[in-house]
Amino acid sequence: MAPLLILALLVFAFLTFRYSKILVRKDISAANKRLAIVFYLIAVSALGAVVYFNV
């Protein structure tokens, strides 16, 4: 259980770091930023579901 939670936190931190870099860039349009937010929420929800059903 503990390795899964540690791995989930690392993946969450990586996703947050990656998508925050996308959102602060000026050369990406607002529509693409909204799409990035949607994909981020889907990824975090999937990660949460994996942790929830495996713990």
N, C-alpha and C. Protein backbone atom coordinates (compact mmCIF):
# COMPACT_ATOMS: atom_id res chain seq x y z
N MET A 1 0.83 -1.20 0.00
CA MET A 1 0.00 0.00 0.00
C MET A 1 0.86 1.25 0.00
N ALA A 2 1.89 1.28 0.81
CA ALA A 2 2.74 2.47 0.90
C ALA A 2 3.46 2.78 -0.42
N PRO A 3 4.03 1.76 -1.12
CA PRO A 3 4.69 2.08 -2.40
C PRO A 3 3.72 2.68 -3.42
N LEU A 4 2.47 2.19 -3.40
CA LEU A 4 1.48 2.73 -4.34
C LEU A 4 1.20 4.19 -4.05
N LEU A 5 1.07 4.53 -2.77
CA LEU A 5 0.80 5.92 -2.41
C LEU A 5 1.98 6.82 -2.74
N ILE A 6 3.19 6.34 -2.51
CA ILE A 6 4.37 7.13 -2.85
C ILE A 6 4.45 7.34 -4.35
N LEU A 7 4.21 6.29 -5.10
CA LEU A 7 4.23 6.40 -6.57
C LEU A 7 3.14 7.35 -7.05
N ALA A 8 1.95 7.28 -6.46
CA ALA A 8 0.85 8.16 -6.84
C ALA A 8 1.20 9.62 -6.54
N LEU A 9 1.84 9.88 -5.41
CA LEU A 9 2.24 11.25 -5.09
C LEU A 9 3.30 11.76 -6.06
N LEU A 10 4.23 10.90 -6.44
CA LEU A 10 5.25 11.30 -7.41
C LEU A 10 4.63 11.61 -8.77
N VAL A 11 3.70 10.78 -9.21
CA VAL A 11 3.02 11.02 -10.49
C VAL A 11 2.20 12.31 -10.42
N PHE A 12 1.51 12.53 -9.29
CA PHE A 12 0.73 13.75 -9.12
C PHE A 12 1.64 14.98 -9.16
N ALA A 13 2.78 14.91 -8.50
CA ALA A 13 3.72 16.03 -8.51
C ALA A 13 4.25 16.29 -9.91
N PHE A 14 4.56 15.21 -10.65
CA PHE A 14 5.04 15.37 -12.02
C PHE A 14 3.98 16.00 -12.91
N LEU A 15 2.75 15.51 -12.80
CA LEU A 15 1.66 16.06 -13.62
C LEU A 15 1.44 17.54 -13.31
N THR A 16 1.45 17.87 -12.02
CA THR A 16 1.24 19.26 -11.62
C THR A 16 2.35 20.15 -12.15
N PHE A 17 3.59 19.70 -12.03
CA PHE A 17 4.73 20.46 -12.52
C PHE A 17 4.65 20.65 -14.03
N ARG A 18 4.34 19.57 -14.74
CA ARG A 18 4.29 19.62 -16.21
C ARG A 18 3.19 20.57 -16.70
N TYR A 19 1.99 20.43 -16.13
CA TYR A 19 0.89 21.26 -16.60
C TYR A 19 1.02 22.70 -16.13
N SER A 20 1.67 22.94 -14.99
CA SER A 20 1.87 24.33 -14.57
C SER A 20 2.85 25.03 -15.51
N LYS A 21 3.82 24.29 -16.04
CA LYS A 21 4.73 24.90 -17.02
C LYS A 21 3.99 25.27 -18.29
N ILE A 22 3.02 24.43 -18.68
CA ILE A 22 2.23 24.73 -19.89
C ILE A 22 1.38 25.98 -19.68
N LEU A 23 0.78 26.11 -18.49
CA LEU A 23 -0.17 27.19 -18.25
C LEU A 23 0.49 28.56 -18.14
N VAL A 24 1.77 28.63 -17.79
CA VAL A 24 2.42 29.94 -17.66
C VAL A 24 3.06 30.40 -18.96
N ARG A 25 3.12 29.55 -19.97
CA ARG A 25 3.72 29.98 -21.23
C ARG A 25 2.79 30.93 -21.97
N LYS A 26 3.38 31.93 -22.58
CA LYS A 26 2.59 32.97 -23.28
C LYS A 26 2.24 32.56 -24.72
N ASP A 27 3.01 31.66 -25.30
CA ASP A 27 2.81 31.33 -26.72
C ASP A 27 1.76 30.25 -26.95
N ILE A 28 1.09 29.81 -25.90
CA ILE A 28 0.05 28.79 -26.04
C ILE A 28 -1.31 29.48 -25.91
N SER A 29 -2.21 29.15 -26.82
CA SER A 29 -3.51 29.83 -26.85
C SER A 29 -4.37 29.42 -25.65
N ALA A 30 -5.38 30.23 -25.38
CA ALA A 30 -6.28 29.98 -24.25
C ALA A 30 -7.04 28.67 -24.43
N ALA A 31 -7.41 28.34 -25.66
CA ALA A 31 -8.13 27.09 -25.90
C ALA A 31 -7.25 25.88 -25.58
N ASN A 32 -6.00 25.96 -25.96
CA ASN A 32 -5.09 24.85 -25.65
C ASN A 32 -4.82 24.77 -24.16
N LYS A 33 -4.81 25.89 -23.46
CA LYS A 33 -4.64 25.86 -22.01
C LYS A 33 -5.85 25.22 -21.34
N ARG A 34 -7.05 25.52 -21.84
CA ARG A 34 -8.25 24.88 -21.30
C ARG A 34 -8.22 23.37 -21.54
N LEU A 35 -7.76 22.98 -22.73
CA LEU A 35 -7.63 21.56 -23.05
C LEU A 35 -6.61 20.90 -22.13
N ALA A 36 -5.53 21.58 -21.83
CA ALA A 36 -4.52 21.05 -20.91
C ALA A 36 -5.11 20.87 -19.51
N ILE A 37 -5.93 21.81 -19.07
CA ILE A 37 -6.57 21.70 -17.76
C ILE A 37 -7.50 20.49 -17.72
N VAL A 38 -8.25 20.28 -18.80
CA VAL A 38 -9.17 19.13 -18.86
C VAL A 38 -8.38 17.82 -18.79
N PHE A 39 -7.29 17.72 -19.56
CA PHE A 39 -6.49 16.51 -19.52
C PHE A 39 -5.85 16.31 -18.16
N TYR A 40 -5.45 17.41 -17.51
CA TYR A 40 -4.87 17.32 -16.16
C TYR A 40 -5.90 16.77 -15.18
N LEU A 41 -7.12 17.30 -15.25
CA LEU A 41 -8.17 16.82 -14.34
C LEU A 41 -8.50 15.35 -14.58
N ILE A 42 -8.52 14.94 -15.86
CA ILE A 42 -8.78 13.53 -16.17
C ILE A 42 -7.66 12.65 -15.63
N ALA A 43 -6.42 13.09 -15.80
CA ALA A 43 -5.28 12.30 -15.33
C ALA A 43 -5.28 12.18 -13.81
N VAL A 44 -5.55 13.28 -13.12
CA VAL A 44 -5.57 13.25 -11.66
C VAL A 44 -6.75 12.41 -11.16
N SER A 45 -7.88 12.48 -11.82
CA SER A 45 -9.03 11.66 -11.43
C SER A 45 -8.74 10.18 -11.64
N ALA A 46 -8.11 9.84 -12.74
CA ALA A 46 -7.75 8.44 -12.99
C ALA A 46 -6.74 7.95 -11.96
N LEU A 47 -5.79 8.79 -11.63
CA LEU A 47 -4.80 8.42 -10.61
C LEU A 47 -5.48 8.21 -9.26
N GLY A 48 -6.41 9.08 -8.91
CA GLY A 48 -7.14 8.92 -7.67
C GLY A 48 -7.98 7.66 -7.65
N ALA A 49 -8.58 7.32 -8.79
CA ALA A 49 -9.39 6.10 -8.87
C ALA A 49 -8.51 4.86 -8.71
N VAL A 50 -7.34 4.87 -9.31
CA VAL A 50 -6.43 3.73 -9.18
C VAL A 50 -6.02 3.55 -7.71
N VAL A 51 -5.68 4.65 -7.06
CA VAL A 51 -5.30 4.57 -5.65
C VAL A 51 -6.48 4.12 -4.80
N TYR A 52 -7.65 4.68 -5.06
CA TYR A 52 -8.83 4.35 -4.25
C TYR A 52 -9.18 2.86 -4.35
N PHE A 53 -9.14 2.32 -5.56
CA PHE A 53 -9.56 0.93 -5.72
C PHE A 53 -8.47 -0.07 -5.36
N ASN A 54 -7.24 0.38 -5.18
CA ASN A 54 -6.16 -0.53 -4.80
C ASN A 54 -5.77 -0.45 -3.34
N VAL A 55 -6.34 0.49 -2.61
CA VAL A 55 -5.96 0.62 -1.19
C VAL A 55 -7.02 -0.04 -0.32
